[in-house]
Amino acid sequence: MQKSPSDPRQLPQPLPDTLAAHDGISFGLQDVYGHVARVLVELADEENGVLLVRERLGQQDITDRGGASREAISRIMKDLTHGGYVTTVGRQMVLLKKLPADW
């Protein structure tokens, strides 16, 4: 297993205008992936070209924001992590690249 860097600034820099690139995601979807993607993008702040979710965000926190089971969210988060879309650095979640439009 690859060790995550302790400083988010050591992560690979995402493409420019990463926040704008997420506008293509259809947030009207009522599926679990759409819910998870919406929550992550809404909570992410850009710092030095890196998208960070500073709020400690567990699966139950995403569930509490509406409509999906912890098990379903766990599956999506695992897929996003294994796909190289998100990682955790300390207590922050880092969006490494643009999230897919659908899953």
N, C-alpha and C. Protein backbone atom coordinates (compact mmCIF):
# COMPACT_ATOMS: atom_id res chain seq x y z
N MET A 1 0.84 -1.18 0.00
CA MET A 1 0.00 0.00 0.00
C MET A 1 0.89 1.24 0.00
N GLN A 2 0.56 2.20 -0.85
CA GLN A 2 1.33 3.42 -0.95
C GLN A 2 1.00 4.34 0.21
N LYS A 3 2.05 4.88 0.84
CA LYS A 3 1.85 5.78 1.96
C LYS A 3 1.49 7.17 1.45
N SER A 4 0.46 7.79 2.04
CA SER A 4 0.06 9.13 1.65
C SER A 4 1.04 10.14 2.23
N PRO A 5 1.38 11.20 1.49
CA PRO A 5 2.24 12.23 2.05
C PRO A 5 1.54 12.95 3.18
N SER A 6 2.31 13.46 4.13
CA SER A 6 1.71 14.13 5.28
C SER A 6 1.33 15.57 4.96
N ASP A 7 1.82 16.12 3.87
CA ASP A 7 1.53 17.49 3.48
C ASP A 7 0.81 17.47 2.14
N PRO A 8 -0.42 18.01 2.07
CA PRO A 8 -1.17 17.97 0.82
C PRO A 8 -0.46 18.67 -0.33
N ARG A 9 0.42 19.61 -0.05
CA ARG A 9 1.14 20.32 -1.11
C ARG A 9 2.13 19.41 -1.82
N GLN A 10 2.44 18.24 -1.26
CA GLN A 10 3.36 17.30 -1.88
C GLN A 10 2.65 16.40 -2.89
N LEU A 11 1.35 16.50 -2.97
CA LEU A 11 0.58 15.69 -3.90
C LEU A 11 0.74 16.22 -5.31
N PRO A 12 0.53 15.38 -6.31
CA PRO A 12 0.58 15.87 -7.69
C PRO A 12 -0.44 16.98 -7.88
N GLN A 13 -0.08 17.99 -8.64
CA GLN A 13 -0.97 19.13 -8.87
C GLN A 13 -2.04 18.74 -9.87
N PRO A 14 -3.32 19.03 -9.56
CA PRO A 14 -4.38 18.73 -10.52
C PRO A 14 -4.32 19.68 -11.71
N LEU A 15 -5.11 19.37 -12.71
CA LEU A 15 -5.19 20.23 -13.88
C LEU A 15 -5.71 21.60 -13.49
N PRO A 16 -5.32 22.66 -14.20
CA PRO A 16 -5.84 24.00 -13.90
C PRO A 16 -7.35 24.03 -14.03
N ASP A 17 -7.95 24.96 -13.33
CA ASP A 17 -9.40 25.15 -13.37
C ASP A 17 -10.17 23.90 -12.96
N THR A 18 -9.64 23.18 -11.98
CA THR A 18 -10.26 21.93 -11.56
C THR A 18 -11.69 22.15 -11.07
N LEU A 19 -11.92 23.22 -10.33
CA LEU A 19 -13.27 23.47 -9.84
C LEU A 19 -14.24 23.68 -10.99
N ALA A 20 -13.82 24.43 -11.99
CA ALA A 20 -14.69 24.68 -13.14
C ALA A 20 -14.97 23.39 -13.89
N ALA A 21 -14.02 22.47 -13.91
CA ALA A 21 -14.19 21.21 -14.63
C ALA A 21 -15.30 20.37 -14.00
N HIS A 22 -15.57 20.54 -12.72
CA HIS A 22 -16.61 19.76 -12.06
C HIS A 22 -18.01 20.20 -12.44
N ASP A 23 -18.12 21.35 -13.13
CA ASP A 23 -19.44 21.84 -13.52
C ASP A 23 -20.14 20.87 -14.46
N GLY A 24 -19.39 19.98 -15.12
CA GLY A 24 -20.00 19.04 -16.05
C GLY A 24 -20.74 17.91 -15.36
N ILE A 25 -20.56 17.75 -14.05
CA ILE A 25 -21.26 16.68 -13.32
C ILE A 25 -22.73 17.06 -13.20
N SER A 26 -23.60 16.15 -13.52
CA SER A 26 -25.03 16.39 -13.39
C SER A 26 -25.45 16.12 -11.96
N PHE A 27 -25.65 17.18 -11.19
CA PHE A 27 -26.00 17.01 -9.79
C PHE A 27 -27.47 16.66 -9.62
N GLY A 28 -28.22 16.62 -10.70
CA GLY A 28 -29.61 16.25 -10.60
C GLY A 28 -29.80 14.75 -10.43
N LEU A 29 -28.73 13.97 -10.61
CA LEU A 29 -28.84 12.52 -10.46
C LEU A 29 -29.23 12.17 -9.04
N GLN A 30 -30.09 11.18 -8.92
CA GLN A 30 -30.53 10.76 -7.59
C GLN A 30 -29.81 9.50 -7.13
N ASP A 31 -28.76 9.11 -7.83
CA ASP A 31 -28.04 7.90 -7.45
C ASP A 31 -27.00 8.21 -6.36
N VAL A 32 -26.47 7.20 -5.80
CA VAL A 32 -25.51 7.34 -4.70
C VAL A 32 -24.26 8.06 -5.16
N TYR A 33 -23.71 7.68 -6.31
CA TYR A 33 -22.49 8.34 -6.77
C TYR A 33 -22.72 9.85 -6.96
N GLY A 34 -23.84 10.21 -7.56
CA GLY A 34 -24.14 11.63 -7.75
C GLY A 34 -24.20 12.36 -6.42
N HIS A 35 -24.76 11.72 -5.42
CA HIS A 35 -24.85 12.31 -4.08
C HIS A 35 -23.45 12.50 -3.48
N VAL A 36 -22.63 11.47 -3.56
CA VAL A 36 -21.27 11.54 -2.99
C VAL A 36 -20.46 12.61 -3.73
N ALA A 37 -20.50 12.61 -5.05
CA ALA A 37 -19.74 13.59 -5.84
C ALA A 37 -20.18 15.01 -5.50
N ARG A 38 -21.48 15.22 -5.38
CA ARG A 38 -21.99 16.56 -5.05
C ARG A 38 -21.46 17.02 -3.70
N VAL A 39 -21.52 16.16 -2.70
CA VAL A 39 -21.05 16.52 -1.36
C VAL A 39 -19.55 16.86 -1.39
N LEU A 40 -18.75 16.02 -2.04
CA LEU A 40 -17.31 16.25 -2.09
C LEU A 40 -16.97 17.56 -2.78
N VAL A 41 -17.58 17.80 -3.92
CA VAL A 41 -17.28 19.02 -4.67
C VAL A 41 -17.76 20.26 -3.91
N GLU A 42 -18.93 20.19 -3.30
CA GLU A 42 -19.45 21.33 -2.54
C GLU A 42 -18.56 21.68 -1.35
N LEU A 43 -17.96 20.68 -0.72
CA LEU A 43 -17.16 20.92 0.47
C LEU A 43 -15.69 21.22 0.17
N ALA A 44 -15.27 20.99 -1.06
CA ALA A 44 -13.86 21.17 -1.42
C ALA A 44 -13.50 22.64 -1.57
N ASP A 45 -12.34 22.99 -1.05
CA ASP A 45 -11.76 24.32 -1.23
C ASP A 45 -10.43 24.16 -1.94
N GLU A 46 -10.14 25.08 -2.86
CA GLU A 46 -8.87 25.01 -3.57
C GLU A 46 -7.80 25.76 -2.79
N GLU A 47 -6.67 25.10 -2.60
CA GLU A 47 -5.53 25.73 -1.93
C GLU A 47 -4.27 25.33 -2.69
N ASN A 48 -3.59 26.31 -3.24
CA ASN A 48 -2.36 26.07 -4.00
C ASN A 48 -2.58 25.02 -5.11
N GLY A 49 -3.70 25.10 -5.78
CA GLY A 49 -3.98 24.18 -6.89
C GLY A 49 -4.44 22.80 -6.48
N VAL A 50 -4.69 22.59 -5.19
CA VAL A 50 -5.13 21.30 -4.68
C VAL A 50 -6.52 21.47 -4.08
N LEU A 51 -7.43 20.55 -4.38
CA LEU A 51 -8.78 20.60 -3.81
C LEU A 51 -8.80 19.81 -2.51
N LEU A 52 -9.12 20.49 -1.41
CA LEU A 52 -9.13 19.88 -0.08
C LEU A 52 -10.52 19.93 0.52
N VAL A 53 -10.94 18.83 1.13
CA VAL A 53 -12.14 18.82 1.96
C VAL A 53 -11.61 18.84 3.38
N ARG A 54 -11.62 20.02 3.98
CA ARG A 54 -11.03 20.21 5.32
C ARG A 54 -11.88 19.60 6.43
N GLU A 55 -13.18 19.60 6.21
CA GLU A 55 -14.09 19.05 7.20
C GLU A 55 -13.86 17.55 7.31
N ARG A 56 -13.72 17.07 8.54
CA ARG A 56 -13.60 15.62 8.74
C ARG A 56 -14.89 14.99 8.26
N LEU A 57 -14.80 14.18 7.22
CA LEU A 57 -15.99 13.69 6.55
C LEU A 57 -15.99 12.17 6.52
N GLY A 58 -16.82 11.58 7.34
CA GLY A 58 -16.95 10.13 7.35
C GLY A 58 -18.15 9.71 6.52
N GLN A 59 -18.29 8.40 6.34
CA GLN A 59 -19.40 7.88 5.56
C GLN A 59 -20.74 8.27 6.16
N GLN A 60 -20.81 8.26 7.48
CA GLN A 60 -22.08 8.64 8.13
C GLN A 60 -22.38 10.11 7.89
N ASP A 61 -21.35 10.95 7.83
CA ASP A 61 -21.57 12.38 7.55
C ASP A 61 -22.18 12.58 6.17
N ILE A 62 -21.69 11.82 5.19
CA ILE A 62 -22.25 11.91 3.84
C ILE A 62 -23.68 11.38 3.84
N THR A 63 -23.91 10.28 4.54
CA THR A 63 -25.26 9.72 4.67
C THR A 63 -26.21 10.74 5.27
N ASP A 64 -25.77 11.42 6.32
CA ASP A 64 -26.59 12.41 7.00
C ASP A 64 -26.96 13.58 6.11
N ARG A 65 -26.18 13.82 5.06
CA ARG A 65 -26.47 14.92 4.13
C ARG A 65 -27.52 14.52 3.11
N GLY A 66 -28.03 13.31 3.21
CA GLY A 66 -29.19 12.94 2.42
C GLY A 66 -29.08 11.69 1.61
N GLY A 67 -29.95 10.77 1.89
CA GLY A 67 -30.39 9.75 1.00
C GLY A 67 -29.65 8.49 0.67
N ALA A 68 -28.49 8.20 1.19
CA ALA A 68 -27.81 6.96 0.79
C ALA A 68 -27.36 6.19 2.03
N SER A 69 -27.23 4.89 1.89
CA SER A 69 -26.78 4.07 3.02
C SER A 69 -25.27 4.19 3.19
N ARG A 70 -24.81 3.93 4.40
CA ARG A 70 -23.36 3.95 4.66
C ARG A 70 -22.64 2.91 3.81
N GLU A 71 -23.27 1.76 3.62
CA GLU A 71 -22.65 0.70 2.83
C GLU A 71 -22.43 1.14 1.38
N ALA A 72 -23.44 1.77 0.79
CA ALA A 72 -23.32 2.25 -0.58
C ALA A 72 -22.26 3.34 -0.69
N ILE A 73 -22.24 4.25 0.28
CA ILE A 73 -21.24 5.32 0.27
C ILE A 73 -19.85 4.75 0.46
N SER A 74 -19.72 3.76 1.34
CA SER A 74 -18.43 3.11 1.55
C SER A 74 -17.90 2.50 0.26
N ARG A 75 -18.78 1.86 -0.49
CA ARG A 75 -18.39 1.24 -1.76
C ARG A 75 -17.91 2.29 -2.76
N ILE A 76 -18.64 3.40 -2.86
CA ILE A 76 -18.26 4.47 -3.79
C ILE A 76 -16.93 5.09 -3.37
N MET A 77 -16.76 5.36 -2.07
CA MET A 77 -15.51 5.98 -1.60
C MET A 77 -14.33 5.05 -1.83
N LYS A 78 -14.53 3.76 -1.63
CA LYS A 78 -13.47 2.79 -1.88
C LYS A 78 -13.08 2.81 -3.36
N ASP A 79 -14.08 2.83 -4.24
CA ASP A 79 -13.80 2.89 -5.68
C ASP A 79 -13.09 4.18 -6.06
N LEU A 80 -13.51 5.31 -5.50
CA LEU A 80 -12.85 6.58 -5.80
C LEU A 80 -11.41 6.60 -5.32
N THR A 81 -11.16 5.99 -4.17
CA THR A 81 -9.80 5.93 -3.64
C THR A 81 -8.93 5.02 -4.51
N HIS A 82 -9.43 3.84 -4.81
CA HIS A 82 -8.66 2.90 -5.64
C HIS A 82 -8.47 3.42 -7.06
N GLY A 83 -9.40 4.24 -7.53
CA GLY A 83 -9.29 4.82 -8.86
C GLY A 83 -8.38 6.03 -8.93
N GLY A 84 -7.85 6.45 -7.77
CA GLY A 84 -6.94 7.59 -7.76
C GLY A 84 -7.62 8.95 -7.82
N TYR A 85 -8.91 8.99 -7.48
CA TYR A 85 -9.64 10.25 -7.49
C TYR A 85 -9.54 11.00 -6.17
N VAL A 86 -9.50 10.27 -5.07
CA VAL A 86 -9.41 10.90 -3.75
C VAL A 86 -8.40 10.15 -2.90
N THR A 87 -7.84 10.87 -1.94
CA THR A 87 -6.99 10.26 -0.92
C THR A 87 -7.19 11.04 0.36
N THR A 88 -6.70 10.50 1.44
CA THR A 88 -6.79 11.17 2.73
C THR A 88 -5.39 11.53 3.18
N VAL A 89 -5.23 12.77 3.60
CA VAL A 89 -3.96 13.25 4.14
C VAL A 89 -4.27 13.81 5.51
N GLY A 90 -3.82 13.11 6.54
CA GLY A 90 -4.18 13.52 7.89
C GLY A 90 -5.69 13.40 8.05
N ARG A 91 -6.33 14.49 8.42
CA ARG A 91 -7.79 14.50 8.58
C ARG A 91 -8.50 15.15 7.40
N GLN A 92 -7.74 15.44 6.34
CA GLN A 92 -8.32 16.09 5.17
C GLN A 92 -8.44 15.10 4.01
N MET A 93 -9.49 15.27 3.24
CA MET A 93 -9.65 14.49 2.02
C MET A 93 -9.17 15.38 0.88
N VAL A 94 -8.44 14.78 -0.06
CA VAL A 94 -7.90 15.51 -1.19
C VAL A 94 -8.49 14.93 -2.48
N LEU A 95 -9.07 15.80 -3.31
CA LEU A 95 -9.56 15.39 -4.62
C LEU A 95 -8.39 15.52 -5.58
N LEU A 96 -7.89 14.40 -6.07
CA LEU A 96 -6.67 14.37 -6.87
C LEU A 96 -6.92 14.72 -8.33
N LYS A 97 -8.11 14.43 -8.82
CA LYS A 97 -8.44 14.73 -10.21
C LYS A 97 -9.94 14.87 -10.34
N LYS A 98 -10.35 15.35 -11.51
CA LYS A 98 -11.77 15.56 -11.76
C LYS A 98 -12.55 14.27 -11.54
N LEU A 99 -13.64 14.35 -10.79
CA LEU A 99 -14.47 13.19 -10.57
C LEU A 99 -15.23 12.83 -11.84
N PRO A 100 -15.42 11.54 -12.11
CA PRO A 100 -16.15 11.16 -13.32
C PRO A 100 -17.59 11.68 -13.29
N ALA A 101 -18.16 11.90 -14.46
CA ALA A 101 -19.53 12.40 -14.55
C ALA A 101 -20.53 11.40 -14.00
N ASP A 102 -20.24 10.10 -14.15
CA ASP A 102 -21.09 9.06 -13.56
C ASP A 102 -20.24 7.86 -13.24
N TRP A 103 -20.84 6.93 -12.53
CA TRP A 103 -20.08 5.77 -12.05
C TRP A 103 -20.67 4.51 -12.56
